[in-house]
Amino acid sequence: MTEKPDPDIARAGRQAALAIAGGGLLAIFAPGIVRVTGLPVRYEFLAYFISIACFIWALSVAARMWQKRDK
């Protein structure tokens, strides 16, 4: 009755989860990292843009997983 999970979908899910976790942690710790290192504020914005890119990439991976599951 239960199918074995597809290893490709499982791997993609783990990658998306790591991207979400990494992007979230980067967004949370960006102000502290910039303050401690003494970098200009523009590097904090760069960290925010990188975390947004991680979230968008994870969303696209999740969409591909969803499409692959429906086939």
N, C-alpha and C. Protein backbone atom coordinates (compact mmCIF):
# COMPACT_ATOMS: atom_id res chain seq x y z
N MET A 1 0.81 -1.19 0.00
CA MET A 1 0.00 0.00 0.00
C MET A 1 0.86 1.27 0.00
N THR A 2 1.87 1.29 0.83
CA THR A 2 2.72 2.49 0.87
C THR A 2 3.87 2.32 -0.11
N GLU A 3 4.08 3.35 -0.88
CA GLU A 3 5.18 3.32 -1.84
C GLU A 3 6.47 3.75 -1.14
N LYS A 4 7.58 3.24 -1.66
CA LYS A 4 8.87 3.71 -1.17
C LYS A 4 9.07 5.13 -1.65
N PRO A 5 9.59 6.00 -0.80
CA PRO A 5 9.83 7.38 -1.26
C PRO A 5 10.91 7.42 -2.33
N ASP A 6 10.70 8.27 -3.29
CA ASP A 6 11.67 8.45 -4.37
C ASP A 6 12.92 9.12 -3.80
N PRO A 7 14.10 8.52 -3.98
CA PRO A 7 15.31 9.12 -3.40
C PRO A 7 15.63 10.51 -3.96
N ASP A 8 15.25 10.76 -5.22
CA ASP A 8 15.51 12.09 -5.80
C ASP A 8 14.65 13.15 -5.12
N ILE A 9 13.40 12.82 -4.86
CA ILE A 9 12.51 13.77 -4.18
C ILE A 9 12.98 13.98 -2.74
N ALA A 10 13.41 12.92 -2.09
CA ALA A 10 13.90 13.05 -0.71
C ALA A 10 15.14 13.93 -0.65
N ARG A 11 16.06 13.73 -1.60
CA ARG A 11 17.28 14.55 -1.62
C ARG A 11 16.94 16.02 -1.88
N ALA A 12 16.02 16.25 -2.82
CA ALA A 12 15.62 17.63 -3.11
C ALA A 12 14.95 18.27 -1.89
N GLY A 13 14.19 17.49 -1.16
CA GLY A 13 13.55 18.01 0.05
C GLY A 13 14.57 18.38 1.11
N ARG A 14 15.60 17.56 1.26
CA ARG A 14 16.65 17.89 2.23
C ARG A 14 17.41 19.14 1.81
N GLN A 15 17.69 19.28 0.51
CA GLN A 15 18.38 20.47 0.03
C GLN A 15 17.54 21.72 0.25
N ALA A 16 16.24 21.62 -0.02
CA ALA A 16 15.36 22.78 0.19
C ALA A 16 15.30 23.13 1.68
N ALA A 17 15.24 22.13 2.53
CA ALA A 17 15.19 22.39 3.97
C ALA A 17 16.47 23.06 4.46
N LEU A 18 17.61 22.61 3.96
CA LEU A 18 18.88 23.25 4.34
C LEU A 18 18.96 24.69 3.83
N ALA A 19 18.44 24.93 2.63
CA ALA A 19 18.46 26.29 2.09
C ALA A 19 17.56 27.21 2.91
N ILE A 20 16.41 26.71 3.32
CA ILE A 20 15.50 27.52 4.14
C ILE A 20 16.13 27.81 5.49
N ALA A 21 16.71 26.78 6.10
CA ALA A 21 17.34 26.97 7.42
C ALA A 21 18.54 27.91 7.32
N GLY A 22 19.37 27.72 6.32
CA GLY A 22 20.55 28.58 6.15
C GLY A 22 20.17 30.02 5.85
N GLY A 23 19.19 30.21 4.98
CA GLY A 23 18.75 31.56 4.66
C GLY A 23 18.12 32.25 5.87
N GLY A 24 17.36 31.51 6.64
CA GLY A 24 16.75 32.09 7.84
C GLY A 24 17.79 32.47 8.88
N LEU A 25 18.76 31.59 9.08
CA LEU A 25 19.81 31.91 10.05
C LEU A 25 20.66 33.09 9.60
N LEU A 26 20.93 33.15 8.30
CA LEU A 26 21.69 34.28 7.78
C LEU A 26 20.93 35.59 8.00
N ALA A 27 19.63 35.57 7.76
CA ALA A 27 18.83 36.79 7.95
C ALA A 27 18.77 37.19 9.41
N ILE A 28 18.72 36.21 10.30
CA ILE A 28 18.65 36.51 11.73
C ILE A 28 19.98 37.06 12.24
N PHE A 29 21.08 36.45 11.83
CA PHE A 29 22.38 36.82 12.37
C PHE A 29 23.11 37.91 11.58
N ALA A 30 22.56 38.34 10.45
CA ALA A 30 23.23 39.36 9.62
C ALA A 30 23.53 40.65 10.38
N PRO A 31 22.57 41.21 11.14
CA PRO A 31 22.91 42.45 11.85
C PRO A 31 24.05 42.28 12.86
N GLY A 32 24.04 41.17 13.57
CA GLY A 32 25.09 40.93 14.54
C GLY A 32 26.45 40.71 13.90
N ILE A 33 26.47 39.98 12.82
CA ILE A 33 27.73 39.72 12.12
C ILE A 33 28.33 41.03 11.60
N VAL A 34 27.47 41.87 11.02
CA VAL A 34 27.94 43.14 10.48
C VAL A 34 28.44 44.05 11.61
N ARG A 35 27.72 44.06 12.72
CA ARG A 35 28.11 44.92 13.84
C ARG A 35 29.43 44.46 14.44
N VAL A 36 29.59 43.15 14.64
CA VAL A 36 30.82 42.62 15.26
C VAL A 36 32.03 42.82 14.36
N THR A 37 31.86 42.60 13.07
CA THR A 37 33.00 42.73 12.15
C THR A 37 33.28 44.17 11.75
N GLY A 38 32.33 45.06 12.01
CA GLY A 38 32.54 46.46 11.67
C GLY A 38 32.37 46.77 10.19
N LEU A 39 31.67 45.91 9.47
CA LEU A 39 31.43 46.13 8.04
C LEU A 39 30.37 47.21 7.83
N PRO A 40 30.36 47.82 6.65
CA PRO A 40 29.30 48.80 6.35
C PRO A 40 27.93 48.11 6.28
N VAL A 41 26.90 48.91 6.39
CA VAL A 41 25.53 48.39 6.39
C VAL A 41 25.19 47.72 5.07
N ARG A 42 25.85 48.09 4.00
CA ARG A 42 25.53 47.49 2.69
C ARG A 42 25.78 45.98 2.70
N TYR A 43 26.69 45.49 3.54
CA TYR A 43 26.92 44.05 3.63
C TYR A 43 25.77 43.35 4.35
N GLU A 44 25.12 44.06 5.24
CA GLU A 44 23.93 43.50 5.87
C GLU A 44 22.82 43.31 4.84
N PHE A 45 22.65 44.31 3.98
CA PHE A 45 21.67 44.18 2.90
C PHE A 45 22.06 43.06 1.94
N LEU A 46 23.34 42.90 1.69
CA LEU A 46 23.79 41.80 0.84
C LEU A 46 23.41 40.45 1.46
N ALA A 47 23.58 40.33 2.77
CA ALA A 47 23.20 39.10 3.45
C ALA A 47 21.69 38.86 3.34
N TYR A 48 20.90 39.93 3.44
CA TYR A 48 19.45 39.80 3.29
C TYR A 48 19.08 39.35 1.87
N PHE A 49 19.75 39.91 0.88
CA PHE A 49 19.47 39.51 -0.50
C PHE A 49 19.86 38.05 -0.74
N ILE A 50 20.95 37.62 -0.14
CA ILE A 50 21.35 36.21 -0.27
C ILE A 50 20.32 35.30 0.38
N SER A 51 19.81 35.70 1.54
CA SER A 51 18.80 34.87 2.20
C SER A 51 17.50 34.85 1.39
N ILE A 52 17.14 35.96 0.76
CA ILE A 52 15.96 35.96 -0.10
C ILE A 52 16.18 35.03 -1.29
N ALA A 53 17.38 35.04 -1.85
CA ALA A 53 17.68 34.13 -2.96
C ALA A 53 17.58 32.68 -2.52
N CYS A 54 18.01 32.38 -1.29
CA CYS A 54 17.88 31.01 -0.76
C CYS A 54 16.41 30.61 -0.67
N PHE A 55 15.57 31.53 -0.19
CA PHE A 55 14.15 31.22 -0.08
C PHE A 55 13.50 31.01 -1.44
N ILE A 56 13.86 31.82 -2.41
CA ILE A 56 13.30 31.67 -3.76
C ILE A 56 13.77 30.36 -4.38
N TRP A 57 15.04 30.02 -4.19
CA TRP A 57 15.55 28.75 -4.72
C TRP A 57 14.83 27.57 -4.08
N ALA A 58 14.63 27.63 -2.77
CA ALA A 58 13.93 26.54 -2.07
C ALA A 58 12.49 26.42 -2.55
N LEU A 59 11.85 27.55 -2.83
CA LEU A 59 10.48 27.52 -3.34
C LEU A 59 10.44 26.87 -4.72
N SER A 60 11.42 27.17 -5.56
CA SER A 60 11.43 26.55 -6.89
C SER A 60 11.71 25.05 -6.79
N VAL A 61 12.57 24.64 -5.86
CA VAL A 61 12.82 23.20 -5.65
C VAL A 61 11.55 22.52 -5.15
N ALA A 62 10.84 23.16 -4.25
CA ALA A 62 9.60 22.58 -3.73
C ALA A 62 8.56 22.45 -4.84
N ALA A 63 8.49 23.42 -5.73
CA ALA A 63 7.55 23.34 -6.85
C ALA A 63 7.91 22.19 -7.78
N ARG A 64 9.21 22.01 -8.04
CA ARG A 64 9.63 20.87 -8.89
C ARG A 64 9.34 19.54 -8.21
N MET A 65 9.51 19.49 -6.88
CA MET A 65 9.18 18.26 -6.16
C MET A 65 7.69 17.95 -6.27
N TRP A 66 6.88 18.97 -6.18
CA TRP A 66 5.44 18.81 -6.26
C TRP A 66 5.03 18.30 -7.64
N GLN A 67 5.63 18.88 -8.68
CA GLN A 67 5.32 18.44 -10.03
C GLN A 67 5.77 17.00 -10.26
N LYS A 68 6.94 16.65 -9.74
CA LYS A 68 7.47 15.30 -9.93
C LYS A 68 6.61 14.27 -9.19
N ARG A 69 6.08 14.65 -8.03
CA ARG A 69 5.26 13.75 -7.24
C ARG A 69 3.94 13.45 -7.93
N ASP A 70 3.39 14.44 -8.67
CA ASP A 70 2.10 14.26 -9.32
C ASP A 70 2.19 13.40 -10.57
N LYS A 71 3.39 13.18 -11.08
CA LYS A 71 3.52 12.37 -12.31
C LYS A 71 3.33 10.90 -12.02
